[in-house]
C-alpha atoms as a PDB file:
ATOM      1  CA  MET A   1      -3.971 -21.225   7.173  1.00  0.00           C
ATOM      2  CA  THR A   2      -4.761 -24.139   5.414  1.00  0.00           C
ATOM      3  CA  GLU A   3      -3.034 -26.274   2.825  1.00  0.00           C
ATOM      4  CA  ALA A   4      -3.703 -26.018  -0.987  1.00  0.00           C
ATOM      5  CA  PRO A   5      -4.699 -28.778  -2.749  1.00  0.00           C
ATOM      6  CA  TYR A   6      -2.978 -28.081  -6.115  1.00  0.00           C
ATOM      7  CA  GLU A   7       0.319 -27.169  -7.258  1.00  0.00           C
ATOM      8  CA  CYS A   8       1.064 -23.604  -8.341  1.00  0.00           C
ATOM      9  CA  GLN A   9       3.754 -22.184 -10.117  1.00  0.00           C
ATOM     10  CA  ASP A  10       5.756 -19.106 -10.765  1.00  0.00           C
ATOM     11  CA  ALA A  11       3.891 -18.189 -14.398  1.00  0.00           C
ATOM     12  CA  CYS A  12       0.663 -19.352 -12.635  1.00  0.00           C
ATOM     13  CA  PRO A  13      -2.074 -19.928 -15.537  1.00  0.00           C
ATOM     14  CA  LEU A  14      -4.955 -20.348 -12.585  1.00  0.00           C
ATOM     15  CA  LYS A  15      -5.554 -16.268 -12.172  1.00  0.00           C
ATOM     16  CA  ASP A  16      -7.900 -14.342 -13.674  1.00  0.00           C
ATOM     17  CA  HIS A  17      -7.651 -11.040 -14.632  1.00  0.00           C
ATOM     18  CA  ASP A  18      -8.553  -9.627 -11.132  1.00  0.00           C
ATOM     19  CA  GLY A  19      -5.153 -11.677 -10.000  1.00  0.00           C
ATOM     20  CA  ASN A  20      -7.284 -14.048  -8.246  1.00  0.00           C
ATOM     21  CA  CYS A  21      -6.701 -17.719  -8.170  1.00  0.00           C
ATOM     22  CA  TYR A  22      -9.535 -19.898  -9.964  1.00  0.00           C
ATOM     23  CA  HIS A  23      -9.366 -22.170  -6.713  1.00  0.00           C
ATOM     24  CA  ARG A  24     -11.452 -21.012  -4.429  1.00  0.00           C
ATOM     25  CA  GLY A  25     -10.548 -20.225  -0.615  1.00  0.00           C
ATOM     26  CA  ASP A  26     -11.876 -22.491   2.257  1.00  0.00           C
ATOM     27  CA  ASP A  27     -14.988 -20.405   2.659  1.00  0.00           C
ATOM     28  CA  GLY A  28     -15.825 -20.969  -0.978  1.00  0.00           C
ATOM     29  CA  GLU A  29     -14.826 -17.339  -2.004  1.00  0.00           C
ATOM     30  CA  VAL A  30     -12.228 -15.807  -4.279  1.00  0.00           C
ATOM     31  CA  VAL A  31      -8.647 -15.359  -3.050  1.00  0.00           C
ATOM     32  CA  GLN A  32      -5.567 -13.196  -4.222  1.00  0.00           C
ATOM     33  CA  CYS A  33      -2.593 -15.520  -5.698  1.00  0.00           C
ATOM     34  CA  VAL A  34       0.578 -13.790  -4.633  1.00  0.00           C
ATOM     35  CA  ASP A  35       4.210 -14.145  -4.008  1.00  0.00           C
ATOM     36  CA  ASP A  36       5.213 -15.156  -0.773  1.00  0.00           C
ATOM     37  CA  TRP A  37       7.183 -11.670  -0.022  1.00  0.00           C
ATOM     38  CA  ALA A  38       3.547 -10.950   0.385  1.00  0.00           C
ATOM     39  CA  GLU A  39       3.820 -11.793   4.227  1.00  0.00           C
ATOM     40  CA  GLU A  40       6.300  -8.977   4.563  1.00  0.00           C
ATOM     41  CA  LYS A  41       4.072  -6.603   3.452  1.00  0.00           C
ATOM     42  CA  TYR A  42       1.563  -7.485   5.568  1.00  0.00           C
ATOM     43  CA  TYR A  43       4.476  -7.734   8.726  1.00  0.00           C
ATOM     44  CA  TYR A  44       5.078  -4.283   8.349  1.00  0.00           C
ATOM     45  CA  LEU A  45       1.523  -3.177   8.546  1.00  0.00           C
ATOM     46  CA  GLU A  46       0.987  -5.354  11.615  1.00  0.00           C
ATOM     47  CA  ARG A  47       3.782  -4.017  13.468  1.00  0.00           C
ATOM     48  CA  TYR A  48       2.800  -0.105  12.750  1.00  0.00           C
ATOM     49  CA  LEU A  49      -0.955  -0.672  13.427  1.00  0.00           C
ATOM     50  CA  ILE A  50       0.000  -2.390  16.834  1.00  0.00           C
ATOM     51  CA  ALA A  51       2.800   0.021  17.382  1.00  0.00           C
ATOM     52  CA  SER A  52       0.805   3.471  16.749  1.00  0.00           C
ATOM     53  CA  ARG A  53      -2.535   2.068  19.248  1.00  0.00           C
ATOM     54  CA  GLU A  54      -1.086   3.955  22.283  1.00  0.00           C
ATOM     55  CA  ALA A  55      -1.202   7.444  20.152  1.00  0.00           C
ATOM     56  CA  ARG A  56      -4.622   6.072  18.088  1.00  0.00           C
ATOM     57  CA  ASN A  57      -5.980   5.444  21.128  1.00  0.00           C
ATOM     58  CA  LYS A  58      -6.978   8.773  22.201  1.00  0.00           C
ATOM     59  CA  PHE A  59      -8.829   9.174  18.812  1.00  0.00           C
ATOM     60  CA  SER A  60     -10.687   5.548  19.176  1.00  0.00           C
ATOM     61  CA  VAL A  61     -11.838   5.650  22.279  1.00  0.00           C
ATOM     62  CA  ASN A  62     -13.902   9.042  21.345  1.00  0.00           C
ATOM     63  CA  GLY A  63     -14.895   6.815  18.034  1.00  0.00           C
ATOM     64  CA  ASN A  64     -12.776   9.074  15.884  1.00  0.00           C
ATOM     65  CA  ALA A  65     -10.351   6.239  13.878  1.00  0.00           C
ATOM     66  CA  VAL A  66     -11.212   5.686  10.796  1.00  0.00           C
ATOM     67  CA  TYR A  67      -9.297   2.563   8.734  1.00  0.00           C
ATOM     68  CA  VAL A  68      -9.819   2.630   4.952  1.00  0.00           C
ATOM     69  CA  ASP A  69      -8.588   0.131   1.736  1.00  0.00           C
ATOM     70  CA  LEU A  70      -9.436   1.681  -1.319  1.00  0.00           C
ATOM     71  CA  PHE A  71      -7.948  -1.624  -3.099  1.00  0.00           C
ATOM     72  CA  ALA A  72      -8.960  -4.187  -0.999  1.00  0.00           C
ATOM     73  CA  GLY A  73      -9.150  -6.917  -2.855  1.00  0.00           C
ATOM     74  CA  PRO A  74     -10.821 -10.435  -2.114  1.00  0.00           C
ATOM     75  CA  GLY A  75      -9.765  -9.766   1.877  1.00  0.00           C
ATOM     76  CA  LYS A  76      -7.547 -13.064   1.231  1.00  0.00           C
ATOM     77  CA  CYS A  77      -4.593 -14.611  -0.366  1.00  0.00           C
ATOM     78  CA  ARG A  78      -3.217 -17.656  -1.338  1.00  0.00           C
ATOM     79  CA  LEU A  79       0.765 -17.618  -1.162  1.00  0.00           C
ATOM     80  CA  LYS A  80       1.917 -19.521  -4.035  1.00  0.00           C
ATOM     81  CA  ARG A  81       4.606 -21.654  -3.182  1.00  0.00           C
ATOM     82  CA  LYS A  82       4.176 -22.421   0.671  1.00  0.00           C
ATOM     83  CA  LYS A  83       0.553 -23.174  -0.534  1.00  0.00           C
ATOM     84  CA  ILE A  84      -1.486 -21.572   2.480  1.00  0.00           C
ATOM     85  CA  GLU A  85      -4.012 -18.986   2.445  1.00  0.00           C
ATOM     86  CA  ILE A  86      -3.357 -15.827   4.135  1.00  0.00           C
ATOM     87  CA  ALA A  87      -5.541 -12.481   5.705  1.00  0.00           C
ATOM     88  CA  GLY A  88      -5.318  -9.427   3.566  1.00  0.00           C
ATOM     89  CA  GLY A  89      -4.500  -6.276   4.996  1.00  0.00           C
ATOM     90  CA  ALA A  90      -8.118  -5.044   5.665  1.00  0.00           C
ATOM     91  CA  LEU A  91      -8.824  -8.639   7.545  1.00  0.00           C
ATOM     92  CA  ARG A  92      -5.305  -8.217   9.452  1.00  0.00           C
ATOM     93  CA  ALA A  93      -6.474  -4.440  10.614  1.00  0.00           C
ATOM     94  CA  ARG A  94      -9.730  -5.723  11.326  1.00  0.00           C
ATOM     95  CA  SER A  95      -8.788  -8.676  13.662  1.00  0.00           C
ATOM     96  CA  LEU A  96      -5.896  -7.072  15.715  1.00  0.00           C
ATOM     97  CA  GLN A  97      -7.174  -5.743  19.023  1.00  0.00           C
ATOM     98  CA  GLU A  98      -4.015  -3.594  19.273  1.00  0.00           C
ATOM     99  CA  ALA A  99      -5.653  -1.870  16.001  1.00  0.00           C
ATOM    100  CA  ALA A 100      -8.753   0.072  17.489  1.00  0.00           C
ATOM    101  CA  PHE A 101     -10.249   1.387  14.466  1.00  0.00           C
ATOM    102  CA  ASN A 102     -13.788   2.588  15.133  1.00  0.00           C
ATOM    103  CA  ARG A 103     -14.897   2.382  11.124  1.00  0.00           C
ATOM    104  CA  PHE A 104     -13.876   0.048   8.815  1.00  0.00           C
ATOM    105  CA  ILE A 105     -13.991   1.296   4.972  1.00  0.00           C
ATOM    106  CA  VAL A 106     -13.267  -0.937   2.394  1.00  0.00           C
ATOM    107  CA  ASN A 107     -13.445  -0.993  -1.394  1.00  0.00           C
ATOM    108  CA  ASP A 108     -12.251  -2.852  -4.734  1.00  0.00           C
ATOM    109  CA  ILE A 109     -13.442  -2.514  -8.261  1.00  0.00           C
ATOM    110  CA  SER A 110     -14.056  -6.640  -8.854  1.00  0.00           C
ATOM    111  CA  PRO A 111     -17.301  -7.629  -8.688  1.00  0.00           C
ATOM    112  CA  ASP A 112     -15.690 -10.973  -7.024  1.00  0.00           C
ATOM    113  CA  ASN A 113     -13.702  -9.218  -4.414  1.00  0.00           C
ATOM    114  CA  TYR A 114     -16.438  -6.917  -3.475  1.00  0.00           C
ATOM    115  CA  LYS A 115     -18.622  -9.921  -2.723  1.00  0.00           C
ATOM    116  CA  ALA A 116     -15.801 -11.796  -0.795  1.00  0.00           C
ATOM    117  CA  LEU A 117     -15.032  -8.614   1.785  1.00  0.00           C
ATOM    118  CA  LYS A 118     -18.936  -8.697   2.490  1.00  0.00           C
ATOM    119  CA  LYS A 119     -18.725 -12.021   3.802  1.00  0.00           C
ATOM    120  CA  ARG A 120     -15.306 -11.953   5.467  1.00  0.00           C
ATOM    121  CA  LEU A 121     -15.984  -8.042   7.197  1.00  0.00           C
ATOM    122  CA  PRO A 122     -18.689  -8.164   8.261  1.00  0.00           C
ATOM    123  CA  GLY A 123     -20.085  -4.753  10.256  1.00  0.00           C
ATOM    124  CA  ALA A 124     -17.498  -3.204   7.630  1.00  0.00           C
ATOM    125  CA  GLU A 125     -18.811  -0.561   5.167  1.00  0.00           C
ATOM    126  CA  VAL A 126     -17.554  -2.210   1.578  1.00  0.00           C
ATOM    127  CA  TYR A 127     -17.883  -0.867  -1.812  1.00  0.00           C
ATOM    128  CA  ASN A 128     -17.199  -1.995  -4.811  1.00  0.00           C
ATOM    129  CA  GLU A 129     -16.081   0.967  -6.899  1.00  0.00           C
ATOM    130  CA  ASP A 130     -13.305   2.301  -9.002  1.00  0.00           C
ATOM    131  CA  ALA A 131     -11.001   4.357  -6.437  1.00  0.00           C
ATOM    132  CA  LYS A 132     -10.691   7.226  -8.541  1.00  0.00           C
ATOM    133  CA  ILE A 133     -14.427   7.954  -8.267  1.00  0.00           C
ATOM    134  CA  PHE A 134     -14.704   6.404  -4.871  1.00  0.00           C
ATOM    135  CA  VAL A 135     -12.121   8.790  -3.585  1.00  0.00           C
ATOM    136  CA  ASP A 136     -13.925  11.752  -3.889  1.00  0.00           C
ATOM    137  CA  LYS A 137     -17.383  10.304  -2.135  1.00  0.00           C
ATOM    138  CA  ILE A 138     -15.584   8.803   0.886  1.00  0.00           C
ATOM    139  CA  ILE A 139     -13.517  11.852   1.621  1.00  0.00           C
ATOM    140  CA  ASP A 140     -16.830  14.114   1.568  1.00  0.00           C
ATOM    141  CA  ASP A 141     -18.638  11.918   3.842  1.00  0.00           C
ATOM    142  CA  LEU A 142     -15.293  11.936   6.559  1.00  0.00           C
ATOM    143  CA  GLN A 143     -15.394  15.761   6.337  1.00  0.00           C
ATOM    144  CA  LYS A 144     -18.963  16.266   7.044  1.00  0.00           C
ATOM    145  CA  THR A 145     -18.650  13.533  10.238  1.00  0.00           C
ATOM    146  CA  ASN A 146     -15.464  15.197  11.160  1.00  0.00           C
ATOM    147  CA  TYR A 147     -13.222  12.313  12.505  1.00  0.00           C
ATOM    148  CA  LYS A 148     -10.257  13.232  14.105  1.00  0.00           C
ATOM    149  CA  TYR A 149      -7.906  10.294  12.875  1.00  0.00           C
ATOM    150  CA  HIS A 150      -7.568   8.439   9.602  1.00  0.00           C
ATOM    151  CA  PHE A 151      -5.459   5.505   8.249  1.00  0.00           C
ATOM    152  CA  VAL A 152      -5.434   4.890   4.758  1.00  0.00           C
ATOM    153  CA  PHE A 153      -3.383   1.836   3.049  1.00  0.00           C
ATOM    154  CA  LEU A 154      -2.945   2.009  -0.423  1.00  0.00           C
ATOM    155  CA  ASP A 155      -1.593  -1.620  -1.563  1.00  0.00           C
ATOM    156  CA  PRO A 156      -2.589  -1.474  -5.696  1.00  0.00           C
ATOM    157  CA  PHE A 157      -0.682  -3.944  -7.926  1.00  0.00           C
ATOM    158  CA  ALA A 158       0.136  -1.203 -11.098  1.00  0.00           C
ATOM    159  CA  PRO A 159       0.791   2.470 -11.172  1.00  0.00           C
ATOM    160  CA  SER A 160      -2.063   3.181 -13.317  1.00  0.00           C
ATOM    161  CA  VAL A 161      -4.700   2.702 -10.966  1.00  0.00           C
ATOM    162  CA  LEU A 162      -3.031   5.237  -8.229  1.00  0.00           C
ATOM    163  CA  PRO A 163      -2.835   8.399 -10.039  1.00  0.00           C
ATOM    164  CA  PHE A 164      -1.482  10.856  -7.867  1.00  0.00           C
ATOM    165  CA  SER A 165      -4.710  12.822  -8.216  1.00  0.00           C
ATOM    166  CA  ILE A 166      -6.382  10.275  -5.106  1.00  0.00           C
ATOM    167  CA  LEU A 167      -3.423  11.399  -2.820  1.00  0.00           C
ATOM    168  CA  ARG A 168      -4.267  14.844  -3.353  1.00  0.00           C
ATOM    169  CA  ARG A 169      -8.015  14.010  -2.223  1.00  0.00           C
ATOM    170  CA  LEU A 170      -7.004  12.308   0.583  1.00  0.00           C
ATOM    171  CA  ALA A 171      -4.562  14.679   1.866  1.00  0.00           C
ATOM    172  CA  ALA A 172      -7.516  17.184   2.510  1.00  0.00           C
ATOM    173  CA  LEU A 173      -8.119  15.212   5.810  1.00  0.00           C
ATOM    174  CA  GLN A 174      -5.871  16.910   8.690  1.00  0.00           C
ATOM    175  CA  ARG A 175      -4.862  14.138  10.953  1.00  0.00           C
ATOM    176  CA  LEU A 176      -3.917  11.370   8.558  1.00  0.00           C
ATOM    177  CA  ASP A 177      -1.356   8.428   7.697  1.00  0.00           C
ATOM    178  CA  ILE A 178      -0.782   6.963   4.573  1.00  0.00           C
ATOM    179  CA  MET A 179       0.725   3.639   3.998  1.00  0.00           C
ATOM    180  CA  LEU A 180       1.047   2.996   0.227  1.00  0.00           C
ATOM    181  CA  HIS A 181       2.541   0.428  -2.108  1.00  0.00           C
ATOM    182  CA  PHE A 182       5.489   2.177  -4.578  1.00  0.00           C
ATOM    183  CA  PRO A 183       5.066  -0.356  -7.503  1.00  0.00           C
ATOM    184  CA  ILE A 184       8.901   0.285  -8.703  1.00  0.00           C
ATOM    185  CA  GLY A 185       8.939  -3.133 -10.024  1.00  0.00           C
ATOM    186  CA  PRO A 186       6.529  -1.849 -12.628  1.00  0.00           C
ATOM    187  CA  ILE A 187       7.998   1.157 -12.898  1.00  0.00           C
ATOM    188  CA  ARG A 188      11.579  -0.285 -13.711  1.00  0.00           C
ATOM    189  CA  ARG A 189      10.393  -1.905 -16.597  1.00  0.00           C
ATOM    190  CA  ASN A 190       8.232   0.521 -18.365  1.00  0.00           C
ATOM    191  CA  TYR A 191       9.600   3.898 -17.563  1.00  0.00           C
ATOM    192  CA  LYS A 192      11.898   3.786 -21.030  1.00  0.00           C
ATOM    193  CA  GLN A 193       9.474   2.897 -23.077  1.00  0.00           C
ATOM    194  CA  TRP A 194       6.415   5.649 -21.194  1.00  0.00           C
ATOM    195  CA  LEU A 195       9.803   8.035 -22.328  1.00  0.00           C
ATOM    196  CA  LYS A 196       8.914   7.709 -26.316  1.00  0.00           C
ATOM    197  CA  THR A 197       5.026   8.860 -25.534  1.00  0.00           C
ATOM    198  CA  GLU A 198       3.812  12.351 -25.276  1.00  0.00           C
ATOM    199  CA  HIS A 199       1.646  11.418 -22.200  1.00  0.00           C
ATOM    200  CA  ALA A 200       2.511   8.259 -19.761  1.00  0.00           C
ATOM    201  CA  VAL A 201       1.054   6.093 -16.864  1.00  0.00           C
ATOM    202  CA  LEU A 202       4.126   7.634 -14.900  1.00  0.00           C
ATOM    203  CA  ASP A 203       2.840  11.226 -15.242  1.00  0.00           C
ATOM    204  CA  ASP A 204      -0.668  10.635 -13.524  1.00  0.00           C
ATOM    205  CA  PHE A 205       1.134   8.554 -10.927  1.00  0.00           C
ATOM    206  CA  LEU A 206       3.746  11.076  -9.765  1.00  0.00           C
ATOM    207  CA  GLY A 207       1.578  13.892 -10.576  1.00  0.00           C
ATOM    208  CA  THR A 208       4.074  15.616 -12.687  1.00  0.00           C
ATOM    209  CA  ASP A 209       6.375  15.093 -15.540  1.00  0.00           C
ATOM    210  CA  ARG A 210       9.577  16.408 -14.512  1.00  0.00           C
ATOM    211  CA  TRP A 211      11.071  12.233 -14.167  1.00  0.00           C
ATOM    212  CA  ARG A 212      11.347  12.737 -17.680  1.00  0.00           C
ATOM    213  CA  GLU A 213      14.147  15.284 -17.537  1.00  0.00           C
ATOM    214  CA  GLU A 214      15.254  14.114 -14.589  1.00  0.00           C
ATOM    215  CA  VAL A 215      16.364  10.584 -15.724  1.00  0.00           C
ATOM    216  CA  LYS A 216      17.552  11.335 -18.882  1.00  0.00           C
ATOM    217  CA  GLY A 217      21.135   9.959 -19.545  1.00  0.00           C
ATOM    218  CA  LYS A 218      21.072   8.330 -16.188  1.00  0.00           C
ATOM    219  CA  PRO A 219      21.771   4.742 -15.591  1.00  0.00           C
ATOM    220  CA  GLN A 220      19.147   2.580 -14.616  1.00  0.00           C
ATOM    221  CA  SER A 221      20.476   2.101 -11.261  1.00  0.00           C
ATOM    222  CA  HIS A 222      20.105   5.798 -10.526  1.00  0.00           C
ATOM    223  CA  ALA A 223      16.536   6.069 -12.325  1.00  0.00           C
ATOM    224  CA  ASP A 224      14.918   4.297  -9.470  1.00  0.00           C
ATOM    225  CA  ASN A 225      16.276   6.299  -6.903  1.00  0.00           C
ATOM    226  CA  ILE A 226      15.273   9.657  -8.839  1.00  0.00           C
ATOM    227  CA  ILE A 227      11.491   8.702  -9.429  1.00  0.00           C
ATOM    228  CA  VAL A 228      11.115   7.740  -5.650  1.00  0.00           C
ATOM    229  CA  SER A 229      12.700  10.895  -4.816  1.00  0.00           C
ATOM    230  CA  LEU A 230      10.329  12.543  -6.918  1.00  0.00           C
ATOM    231  CA  TYR A 231       7.593  11.362  -5.334  1.00  0.00           C
ATOM    232  CA  LEU A 232       8.271  11.990  -2.291  1.00  0.00           C
ATOM    233  CA  GLU A 233       9.078  15.811  -2.996  1.00  0.00           C
ATOM    234  CA  GLN A 234       5.611  15.266  -4.266  1.00  0.00           C
ATOM    235  CA  LEU A 235       4.000  14.292  -1.128  1.00  0.00           C
ATOM    236  CA  LYS A 236       5.588  17.165   0.476  1.00  0.00           C
ATOM    237  CA  THR A 237       3.738  19.044  -1.599  1.00  0.00           C
ATOM    238  CA  LEU A 238       0.417  17.661  -0.016  1.00  0.00           C
ATOM    239  CA  GLY A 239       1.168  18.818   3.875  1.00  0.00           C
ATOM    240  CA  PHE A 240       3.224  15.661   4.908  1.00  0.00           C
ATOM    241  CA  PRO A 241       6.408  16.838   6.613  1.00  0.00           C
ATOM    242  CA  ILE A 242       9.650  15.901   5.520  1.00  0.00           C
ATOM    243  CA  GLU A 243      10.157  14.242   8.812  1.00  0.00           C
ATOM    244  CA  GLY A 244       7.912  11.441   7.409  1.00  0.00           C
ATOM    245  CA  LEU A 245       8.877  10.962   3.791  1.00  0.00           C
ATOM    246  CA  GLY A 246      12.865   9.888   4.133  1.00  0.00           C
ATOM    247  CA  LEU A 247      15.378  11.212   1.396  1.00  0.00           C
ATOM    248  CA  ILE A 248      17.222  10.012  -1.358  1.00  0.00           C
ATOM    249  CA  ASP A 249      21.054  11.332  -1.861  1.00  0.00           C
ATOM    250  CA  ASN A 250      21.706  13.319  -5.350  1.00  0.00           C
ATOM    251  CA  THR A 251      24.127  10.893  -6.712  1.00  0.00           C
ATOM    252  CA  GLY A 252      21.198   8.338  -6.813  1.00  0.00           C
ATOM    253  CA  LYS A 253      23.409   5.654  -4.403  1.00  0.00           C
ATOM    254  CA  GLY A 254      20.468   5.042  -1.700  1.00  0.00           C
ATOM    255  CA  TYR A 255      18.692   6.622   1.240  1.00  0.00           C
ATOM    256  CA  MET A 256      19.847   8.655   3.564  1.00  0.00           C
ATOM    257  CA  SER A 257      16.325   8.094   5.933  1.00  0.00           C
ATOM    258  CA  THR A 258      14.800   4.855   7.667  1.00  0.00           C
ATOM    259  CA  THR A 259      11.716   5.775   6.383  1.00  0.00           C
ATOM    260  CA  VAL A 260      11.041   3.361   3.403  1.00  0.00           C
ATOM    261  CA  ALA A 261      10.725  -0.482   3.175  1.00  0.00           C
ATOM    262  CA  GLU A 262      12.190  -2.091   0.701  1.00  0.00           C
ATOM    263  CA  ILE A 263       9.838  -5.404  -0.133  1.00  0.00           C
ATOM    264  CA  LYS A 264      12.083  -7.696  -2.383  1.00  0.00           C
ATOM    265  CA  ASN A 265      12.434 -11.384  -3.892  1.00  0.00           C
ATOM    266  CA  SER A 266      13.970 -14.458  -3.647  1.00  0.00           C
ATOM    267  CA  LYS A 267      16.770 -12.818  -5.844  1.00  0.00           C
ATOM    268  CA  SER A 268      17.028  -9.854  -3.295  1.00  0.00           C
ATOM    269  CA  VAL A 269      15.532  -7.793  -6.428  1.00  0.00           C
ATOM    270  CA  VAL A 270      13.494  -4.825  -4.673  1.00  0.00           C
ATOM    271  CA  LEU A 271      10.048  -5.505  -6.266  1.00  0.00           C
ATOM    272  CA  TYR A 272       8.105  -2.551  -4.429  1.00  0.00           C
ATOM    273  CA  TYR A 273       8.729  -0.277  -1.552  1.00  0.00           C
ATOM    274  CA  LEU A 274       6.088   0.696   1.302  1.00  0.00           C
ATOM    275  CA  ILE A 275       6.080   4.166   2.156  1.00  0.00           C
ATOM    276  CA  LEU A 276       4.343   6.025   4.948  1.00  0.00           C
ATOM    277  CA  ALA A 277       3.185   9.425   4.359  1.00  0.00           C
ATOM    278  CA  SER A 278       1.980  10.812   7.910  1.00  0.00           C
ATOM    279  CA  LYS A 279       0.616  14.212   8.685  1.00  0.00           C
ATOM    280  CA  HIS A 280       2.413  14.250  12.162  1.00  0.00           C
ATOM    281  CA  PRO A 281       6.048  13.532  13.076  1.00  0.00           C
ATOM    282  CA  LEU A 282       5.052  11.168  15.490  1.00  0.00           C
ATOM    283  CA  GLY A 283       3.518   8.699  12.772  1.00  0.00           C
ATOM    284  CA  ALA A 284       7.131   9.114  11.210  1.00  0.00           C
ATOM    285  CA  LYS A 285       8.784   8.085  14.675  1.00  0.00           C
ATOM    286  CA  ILE A 286       6.857   5.029  15.267  1.00  0.00           C
ATOM    287  CA  TRP A 287       7.450   3.694  11.455  1.00  0.00           C
ATOM    288  CA  GLN A 288      10.990   4.229  11.853  1.00  0.00           C
ATOM    289  CA  SER A 289      11.058   2.012  15.070  1.00  0.00           C
ATOM    290  CA  THR A 290       8.419  -0.916  12.985  1.00  0.00           C
ATOM    291  CA  LEU A 291      11.115  -0.450  10.203  1.00  0.00           C
ATOM    292  CA  LYS A 292      14.132  -1.930  12.570  1.00  0.00           C
ATOM    293  CA  TYR A 293      13.558  -5.363  11.825  1.00  0.00           C
ATOM    294  CA  ASP A 294      12.323  -7.488   9.037  1.00  0.00           C
ATOM    295  CA  ALA A 295       9.799 -10.006   9.093  1.00  0.00           C
ATOM    296  CA  ALA A 296      12.292 -12.662  10.223  1.00  0.00           C
ATOM    297  CA  GLY A 297      13.086 -10.778  12.964  1.00  0.00           C
ATOM    298  CA  GLN A 298      16.396  -9.710  11.582  1.00  0.00           C
ATOM    299  CA  THR A 299      18.148  -6.400  12.368  1.00  0.00           C
ATOM    300  CA  ARG A 300      17.332  -4.256   9.141  1.00  0.00           C
ATOM    301  CA  LEU A 301      20.993  -2.350   7.772  1.00  0.00           C
ATOM    302  CA  LEU A 302      19.529   1.198   7.969  1.00  0.00           C
END
């Protein structure tokens, strides 16, 4: 990690339409401009990949473990406040000896990000496509070659780019873990406006419009939990067992499980959740052990 030679502010004017910094990375390629709490997200990703190595090893020793990232970005990020470069999800997974994957498949819709990924991930399969289209192509390919274990990282910046149809398609894979970024921040800011429209981004993201009736008359503090709970219920319909999804109580007061990580800003406001959806109960147990400590090494209150 290296010092960045400029000052980056909260309302950063130095980002392009892809969220990349106008200042290039140390290797001359683009880097994504992110807030410092992105480190916590990658902390949980790394911990899970390390903790699940032993379970995954029986597949990787036979060439049967695949890593997929549909929204890989450029592969590197620059933290605004710390002013340092860090590796993104795909680079971290690739660099971890504990990861034990035989095949790396990464995709990003941005041509600049695609170019950076090609340079930063030699030997990986790198694509430059819309994830909604690419997912059909890659699932068809994976089913033809009959891989046994798949880990999919879904880290979009907005709910509009991750419709539930992508999850439905991914769920065709039998041995599957999906770690996904649930963008509750944008949803919280926009859901009241979406209620006024006949069809909204949230309908597509959740794969249902049931949320409309369920949030009516509820305070916003309850609406967050109602929407997340509905998403988890939707994942259950795809074949993910309840052990890997967590529950929220019917009063909307909070989680009754340990299977969702909260990523908060400096004011302790939840920006997004990390959810692990596993086709096997063992995945849930490993994820729960991963969540016992936060990125600072402190015991989480579960």
